[in-house]
Amino acid sequence: MSYESDFVSWTRDQAALLRTLDPPPPGLDVENLAEEIESLGRGEICSLSQRL
């Protein structure tokens, strides 16, 4: 999924990809990064819902 065409799906895909890193690079806080990325997508959904 493309960042420009579907931001919410992109955030979900990127978070899922981060979680597949095994082992993750040293110092990379995979779970918190994935949560933050997913949170951006959820924020977009909330913002759109409020506008409707």
Protein backbone atom coordinates (compact mmCIF):
# COMPACT_ATOMS: atom_id res chain seq x y z
CA MET A 1 0.00 0.00 0.00
CA SER A 2 1.20 3.45 -0.83
CA TYR A 3 1.66 6.26 1.67
CA GLU A 4 0.02 8.70 -0.75
CA SER A 5 -2.99 6.57 -1.67
CA ASP A 6 -3.98 5.02 1.70
CA PHE A 7 -2.15 6.37 4.72
CA VAL A 8 -4.04 4.26 7.26
CA SER A 9 -3.25 0.98 5.48
CA TRP A 10 0.33 2.12 5.03
CA THR A 11 0.70 2.69 8.77
CA ARG A 12 -0.69 -0.78 9.51
CA ASP A 13 1.60 -2.39 6.94
CA GLN A 14 4.69 -0.57 8.19
CA ALA A 15 3.96 -1.49 11.81
CA ALA A 16 3.52 -5.13 10.83
CA LEU A 17 6.79 -5.09 8.89
CA LEU A 18 8.63 -3.62 11.86
CA ARG A 19 7.33 -6.42 14.04
CA THR A 20 8.73 -9.06 11.66
CA LEU A 21 12.32 -7.92 12.16
CA ASP A 22 14.04 -10.86 13.79
CA PRO A 23 16.32 -9.90 15.32
CA PRO A 24 15.71 -6.17 15.19
CA PRO A 25 18.73 -3.91 14.82
CA PRO A 26 20.32 -3.11 18.18
CA GLY A 27 18.70 -0.13 19.85
CA LEU A 28 15.59 -0.17 17.68
CA ASP A 29 12.50 -0.09 19.90
CA VAL A 30 10.34 -2.06 17.49
CA GLU A 31 7.19 -2.41 19.55
CA ASN A 32 6.96 1.24 20.55
CA LEU A 33 7.77 2.41 17.02
CA ALA A 34 5.08 0.12 15.62
CA GLU A 35 2.57 1.42 18.17
CA GLU A 36 3.39 5.04 17.32
CA ILE A 37 3.00 4.39 13.59
CA GLU A 38 -0.32 2.64 14.14
CA SER A 39 -1.41 5.54 16.34
CA LEU A 40 -0.89 7.93 13.43
CA GLY A 41 -3.28 5.87 11.33
CA ARG A 42 -5.86 5.71 14.11
CA GLY A 43 -5.58 9.47 14.52
CA GLU A 44 -6.42 9.94 10.85
CA ILE A 45 -9.52 7.77 11.24
CA CYS A 46 -10.65 9.73 14.32
CA SER A 47 -10.05 13.03 12.59
CA LEU A 48 -12.07 11.98 9.56
CA SER A 49 -14.89 10.66 11.74
CA GLN A 50 -15.08 13.97 13.61
CA ARG A 51 -15.28 15.92 10.36
CA LEU A 52 -18.17 13.79 9.15
